[in-house]
N, C-alpha and C. Protein backbone atom coordinates (compact mmCIF):
# COMPACT_ATOMS: atom_id res chain seq x y z
N ALA A 1 91.77 9.51 -35.87
CA ALA A 1 91.75 9.00 -34.72
C ALA A 1 92.89 9.74 -33.98
N SER A 2 92.36 10.07 -32.70
CA SER A 2 93.29 11.19 -32.14
C SER A 2 94.15 10.48 -31.32
N LYS A 3 93.70 8.86 -31.23
CA LYS A 3 95.30 8.15 -30.56
C LYS A 3 94.95 6.88 -30.92
N ASP A 4 95.98 5.70 -31.30
CA ASP A 4 96.11 4.33 -31.51
C ASP A 4 94.77 3.73 -31.02
N ILE A 5 94.13 2.92 -31.71
CA ILE A 5 92.88 2.19 -31.39
C ILE A 5 92.96 1.18 -31.72
N PRO A 6 93.18 -0.01 -30.36
CA PRO A 6 93.43 -1.30 -31.31
C PRO A 6 92.05 -2.18 -31.50
N THR A 7 92.21 -3.03 -32.53
CA THR A 7 90.94 -4.16 -33.13
C THR A 7 90.12 -4.60 -31.68
N ASP A 8 88.84 -4.66 -32.33
CA ASP A 8 87.87 -4.65 -31.29
C ASP A 8 87.61 -3.59 -30.37
N MET A 9 88.08 -2.33 -30.14
CA MET A 9 88.38 -1.34 -29.04
C MET A 9 87.06 -0.78 -29.36
N GLY A 10 86.40 -0.61 -28.32
CA GLY A 10 84.91 0.33 -28.43
C GLY A 10 85.62 2.39 -28.39
N ILE A 11 85.27 2.39 -29.63
CA ILE A 11 85.25 3.70 -29.86
C ILE A 11 84.12 4.88 -29.26
N TRP A 12 82.91 4.56 -29.33
CA TRP A 12 82.14 5.22 -28.36
C TRP A 12 80.73 4.21 -28.65
N ARG A 13 80.27 4.57 -27.23
CA ARG A 13 78.93 4.35 -26.95
C ARG A 13 77.47 5.27 -27.21
N PHE A 14 76.50 4.69 -27.96
CA PHE A 14 75.62 5.46 -28.20
C PHE A 14 74.64 4.70 -27.15
N ASP A 15 73.68 5.45 -26.63
CA ASP A 15 72.46 5.32 -25.73
C ASP A 15 71.41 5.73 -26.38
N ASP A 16 70.23 5.07 -25.95
CA ASP A 16 68.87 5.46 -26.00
C ASP A 16 68.82 5.92 -27.35
N VAL A 17 69.14 5.29 -28.77
CA VAL A 17 69.44 4.91 -30.00
C VAL A 17 67.70 5.05 -30.49
N LYS A 18 67.80 5.57 -31.32
CA LYS A 18 66.31 5.95 -31.95
C LYS A 18 66.31 5.56 -33.46
N PHE A 19 65.46 4.48 -33.61
CA PHE A 19 65.23 4.34 -35.24
C PHE A 19 63.97 5.17 -35.70
N THR A 20 63.99 4.97 -37.44
CA THR A 20 63.02 6.10 -37.75
C THR A 20 62.81 5.27 -39.18
N ALA A 21 61.60 5.41 -39.51
CA ALA A 21 61.29 5.39 -41.11
C ALA A 21 61.16 6.31 -41.94
N ASN A 22 61.35 7.56 -41.54
CA ASN A 22 61.57 8.86 -42.32
C ASN A 22 62.84 10.05 -41.40
N PRO A 23 63.93 9.98 -42.21
CA PRO A 23 64.80 10.50 -41.62
C PRO A 23 64.68 11.98 -41.97
N THR A 24 65.10 12.65 -41.12
CA THR A 24 64.81 13.89 -40.42
C THR A 24 65.37 15.17 -41.09
N SER A 25 66.70 14.51 -41.86
CA SER A 25 67.38 15.95 -42.70
C SER A 25 67.03 15.39 -44.15
N PRO A 26 67.33 16.23 -44.68
CA PRO A 26 66.85 16.57 -46.34
C PRO A 26 67.95 15.09 -47.04
N LYS A 27 67.41 15.01 -47.95
CA LYS A 27 67.96 13.91 -49.05
C LYS A 27 69.74 14.83 -49.51
N GLU A 28 69.61 15.76 -49.95
CA GLU A 28 70.84 16.48 -50.38
C GLU A 28 71.89 15.80 -49.28
N ARG A 29 71.84 16.18 -48.08
CA ARG A 29 72.51 16.02 -46.75
C ARG A 29 72.34 14.84 -46.12
N ARG A 30 71.71 14.15 -46.42
CA ARG A 30 71.64 13.17 -45.50
C ARG A 30 72.28 12.59 -44.75
N HIS A 31 71.98 12.22 -43.56
CA HIS A 31 73.17 11.70 -42.43
C HIS A 31 72.81 10.51 -41.81
N ALA A 32 71.56 10.04 -42.31
CA ALA A 32 70.85 9.34 -41.86
C ALA A 32 71.85 7.58 -42.50
N LEU A 33 71.93 6.48 -41.30
CA LEU A 33 72.63 5.07 -42.29
C LEU A 33 71.35 4.59 -41.89
N GLN A 34 71.01 3.51 -43.10
CA GLN A 34 69.59 2.81 -43.45
C GLN A 34 70.01 1.63 -42.67
N VAL A 35 69.23 1.03 -41.83
CA VAL A 35 69.54 -0.17 -41.13
C VAL A 35 68.69 -1.21 -41.32
N GLY A 36 67.71 -1.21 -42.20
CA GLY A 36 66.64 -2.38 -42.28
C GLY A 36 65.73 -1.44 -43.82
N ASP A 37 65.11 -2.16 -44.16
CA ASP A 37 63.85 -1.86 -45.40
C ASP A 37 63.54 -0.60 -45.32
N HIS A 38 63.12 -0.62 -43.56
CA HIS A 38 62.17 0.92 -43.70
C HIS A 38 62.60 1.42 -42.31
N GLU A 39 63.95 1.40 -41.99
CA GLU A 39 64.40 1.65 -40.34
C GLU A 39 65.51 2.49 -41.08
N TYR A 40 65.99 3.71 -40.66
CA TYR A 40 67.17 4.51 -40.84
C TYR A 40 67.57 4.84 -39.08
N TRP A 41 69.04 4.66 -38.87
CA TRP A 41 69.16 5.40 -37.67
C TRP A 41 69.44 6.54 -37.60
N ASP A 42 68.72 7.63 -37.42
CA ASP A 42 69.00 9.17 -37.64
C ASP A 42 69.88 9.75 -37.42
N GLU A 43 70.33 10.90 -38.23
CA GLU A 43 71.34 12.18 -37.60
C GLU A 43 71.23 12.31 -36.00
N ALA A 44 72.34 12.90 -35.68
CA ALA A 44 72.31 12.96 -34.85
C ALA A 44 72.06 15.09 -34.38
N PRO A 45 71.38 15.87 -33.66
CA PRO A 45 71.17 16.94 -34.06
C PRO A 45 72.83 17.74 -33.79
N GLU A 46 73.05 18.77 -34.10
CA GLU A 46 74.16 19.51 -34.39
C GLU A 46 74.26 20.19 -32.59
N GLY A 47 75.22 19.76 -31.88
CA GLY A 47 75.04 20.20 -30.61
C GLY A 47 75.31 18.77 -29.36
N SER A 48 75.12 17.93 -30.26
CA SER A 48 74.97 17.07 -29.36
C SER A 48 76.27 15.85 -29.56
N PRO A 49 76.71 15.51 -28.36
CA PRO A 49 77.98 14.81 -28.10
C PRO A 49 78.37 13.76 -29.33
N ASP A 50 76.93 13.20 -30.26
CA ASP A 50 77.41 12.10 -31.52
C ASP A 50 76.71 12.91 -32.28
N TYR A 51 77.24 14.15 -32.53
CA TYR A 51 77.28 14.96 -34.00
C TYR A 51 78.51 14.54 -34.91
N TRP A 52 79.51 14.18 -34.20
CA TRP A 52 80.64 13.69 -35.13
C TRP A 52 80.21 12.50 -36.16
N SER A 53 79.34 11.78 -35.48
CA SER A 53 78.98 10.76 -36.20
C SER A 53 78.51 10.53 -37.32
N ASN A 54 77.59 11.74 -37.86
CA ASN A 54 77.14 11.55 -39.13
C ASN A 54 77.96 12.36 -40.12
N PHE A 55 79.77 12.54 -39.69
CA PHE A 55 80.40 12.34 -40.75
C PHE A 55 81.25 11.38 -41.02
N ILE A 56 80.80 10.41 -40.65
CA ILE A 56 81.61 8.85 -40.83
C ILE A 56 81.72 8.78 -42.32
N ASP A 57 82.74 8.90 -43.04
CA ASP A 57 82.91 8.41 -44.79
C ASP A 57 82.76 6.56 -44.73
N HIS A 58 82.34 6.42 -46.23
CA HIS A 58 82.52 5.34 -46.92
C HIS A 58 83.62 5.05 -46.96
N SER A 59 84.32 3.42 -47.13
CA SER A 59 85.64 2.84 -47.56
C SER A 59 85.04 1.58 -47.95
N ARG A 60 85.56 1.03 -49.11
CA ARG A 60 85.79 -0.65 -49.40
C ARG A 60 86.44 -1.38 -48.41
N ASP A 61 87.54 -0.83 -47.56
CA ASP A 61 88.21 -1.46 -47.02
C ASP A 61 88.08 -0.55 -45.47
N PRO A 62 87.21 -0.54 -44.62
CA PRO A 62 86.81 0.16 -43.64
C PRO A 62 87.49 -0.45 -42.46
N ASN A 63 87.74 0.35 -41.29
CA ASN A 63 88.46 -0.12 -40.18
C ASN A 63 87.61 0.46 -38.54
N ALA A 64 86.54 0.67 -39.30
CA ALA A 64 85.58 0.60 -37.86
C ALA A 64 83.91 0.11 -38.42
N ARG A 65 83.18 0.06 -37.19
CA ARG A 65 82.25 -0.73 -37.70
C ARG A 65 80.85 0.07 -36.60
N PHE A 66 79.68 0.11 -36.55
CA PHE A 66 78.54 -0.24 -35.75
C PHE A 66 78.12 -1.53 -35.33
N VAL A 67 77.68 -1.91 -34.22
CA VAL A 67 77.18 -3.01 -33.87
C VAL A 67 75.68 -2.40 -33.08
N PHE A 68 74.89 -2.76 -33.53
CA PHE A 68 73.35 -2.54 -33.05
C PHE A 68 72.96 -3.21 -31.93
N ASP A 69 72.44 -2.77 -31.05
CA ASP A 69 70.85 -3.94 -30.15
C ASP A 69 70.11 -2.92 -29.95
N MET A 70 69.21 -3.13 -31.13
CA MET A 70 68.09 -2.59 -31.30
C MET A 70 67.11 -2.76 -30.34
N GLU A 71 67.18 -3.85 -29.58
CA GLU A 71 66.22 -4.06 -28.76
C GLU A 71 66.46 -3.28 -27.49
N ASN A 72 67.71 -3.10 -26.98
CA ASN A 72 68.23 -1.97 -25.87
C ASN A 72 68.47 -0.80 -26.53
N LYS A 73 67.80 -0.36 -27.65
CA LYS A 73 68.34 0.98 -27.91
C LYS A 73 69.84 1.90 -27.94
N ARG A 74 70.42 0.39 -28.36
CA ARG A 74 72.06 1.03 -27.85
C ARG A 74 73.23 0.73 -28.92
N ALA A 75 73.93 1.22 -29.07
CA ALA A 75 74.88 0.83 -30.39
C ALA A 75 76.40 1.19 -30.17
N TRP A 76 77.02 0.56 -30.58
CA TRP A 76 78.53 0.64 -30.11
C TRP A 76 79.43 0.83 -31.42
N PHE A 77 80.00 1.64 -31.57
CA PHE A 77 81.44 2.10 -32.61
C PHE A 77 82.69 1.28 -32.46
N LYS A 78 82.95 0.60 -32.76
CA LYS A 78 84.26 -0.20 -33.00
C LYS A 78 85.07 -0.29 -33.55
N ALA A 79 86.54 -0.60 -33.42
CA ALA A 79 87.55 -0.84 -34.57
C ALA A 79 87.32 -2.36 -34.97
N THR A 80 87.71 -2.25 -36.10
CA THR A 80 87.52 -3.95 -36.76
C THR A 80 88.81 -4.04 -37.44
N ARG A 81 89.50 -3.40 -37.15
CA ARG A 81 91.36 -2.95 -36.85
C ARG A 81 91.93 -2.46 -36.47
N PRO A 82 93.21 -2.44 -36.53
CA PRO A 82 94.17 -1.49 -35.70
C PRO A 82 93.73 -0.28 -36.68
N ILE A 83 93.63 0.91 -35.77
CA ILE A 83 93.82 2.35 -36.48
C ILE A 83 94.80 2.98 -35.35
N LYS A 84 95.80 3.69 -36.29
CA LYS A 84 96.50 4.81 -36.27
C LYS A 84 96.38 6.04 -35.72
N THR A 85 97.17 6.77 -34.90
CA THR A 85 96.76 8.35 -34.71
C THR A 85 97.03 8.99 -36.11
N ASP A 86 95.92 10.04 -35.92
CA ASP A 86 95.74 10.85 -37.28
C ASP A 86 95.34 9.76 -38.57
N GLU A 87 94.67 8.83 -38.54
CA GLU A 87 94.25 7.97 -39.50
C GLU A 87 92.77 8.13 -39.85
N GLU A 88 92.17 8.25 -40.69
CA GLU A 88 90.84 8.47 -40.56
C GLU A 88 89.86 7.45 -40.66
N ILE A 89 88.51 7.23 -40.10
CA ILE A 89 87.90 6.53 -39.97
C ILE A 89 87.33 6.19 -40.45
N PHE A 90 86.71 4.54 -41.05
CA PHE A 90 85.63 4.59 -42.17
C PHE A 90 85.20 3.01 -41.56
N ILE A 91 83.87 3.24 -42.13
CA ILE A 91 83.16 2.24 -42.09
C ILE A 91 82.26 1.60 -43.40
N LYS A 92 81.89 0.97 -43.82
CA LYS A 92 81.51 0.59 -45.13
C LYS A 92 79.81 0.57 -45.07
N TYR A 93 79.38 1.31 -45.64
CA TYR A 93 77.61 1.47 -45.66
C TYR A 93 76.94 0.39 -46.32
N ASP A 94 77.36 0.06 -47.21
CA ASP A 94 76.17 -1.34 -47.28
C ASP A 94 76.39 -2.61 -46.62
N ASP A 95 77.54 -2.36 -45.33
CA ASP A 95 77.07 -3.62 -44.86
C ASP A 95 75.67 -3.24 -43.80
N TYR A 96 75.38 -2.35 -43.80
CA TYR A 96 74.22 -1.88 -42.95
C TYR A 96 72.70 -2.43 -44.08
N HIS A 97 72.99 -1.91 -45.25
CA HIS A 97 72.07 -1.93 -45.75
C HIS A 97 72.34 -1.49 -47.30
N LYS A 98 71.51 -2.27 -48.57
CA LYS A 98 72.09 -2.06 -49.54
C LYS A 98 71.36 -0.52 -50.18
N GLY A 99 70.66 -0.49 -49.31
CA GLY A 99 70.33 0.84 -50.11
C GLY A 99 70.99 2.18 -49.74
N ASN A 100 72.23 1.99 -48.67
CA ASN A 100 72.50 3.14 -48.70
C ASN A 100 73.74 3.67 -49.63
N ALA A 101 73.88 4.58 -49.46
CA ALA A 101 74.41 5.66 -50.88
C ALA A 101 75.99 5.38 -50.61
N ILE A 102 76.55 5.04 -51.99
CA ILE A 102 77.88 4.91 -51.84
C ILE A 102 78.82 5.68 -52.87
N PHE A 103 79.24 6.48 -52.12
CA PHE A 103 80.13 7.22 -53.35
C PHE A 103 81.40 7.07 -53.52
């Protein structure tokens, strides 16, 4: 984090979110997040302002979470607890679907 972030603060809003049954990235470097049995939030393309979101790491003790509004094609990235400056931001992959790879 580049600054302190309080709990429940919106870190980023994603508009026009696209869900797909077939992620475009190759499996060995997949950055798609599975959000349903046959739905993925695919990776953001290089050069996109959302590209950084492809690299959010997993933790069993995450400090952030995606909130999806699939009907309106939006997502928010929010802090789930206070995050300090220079602290890495994590999500828990299997919070979204049990099929997400956890390393």
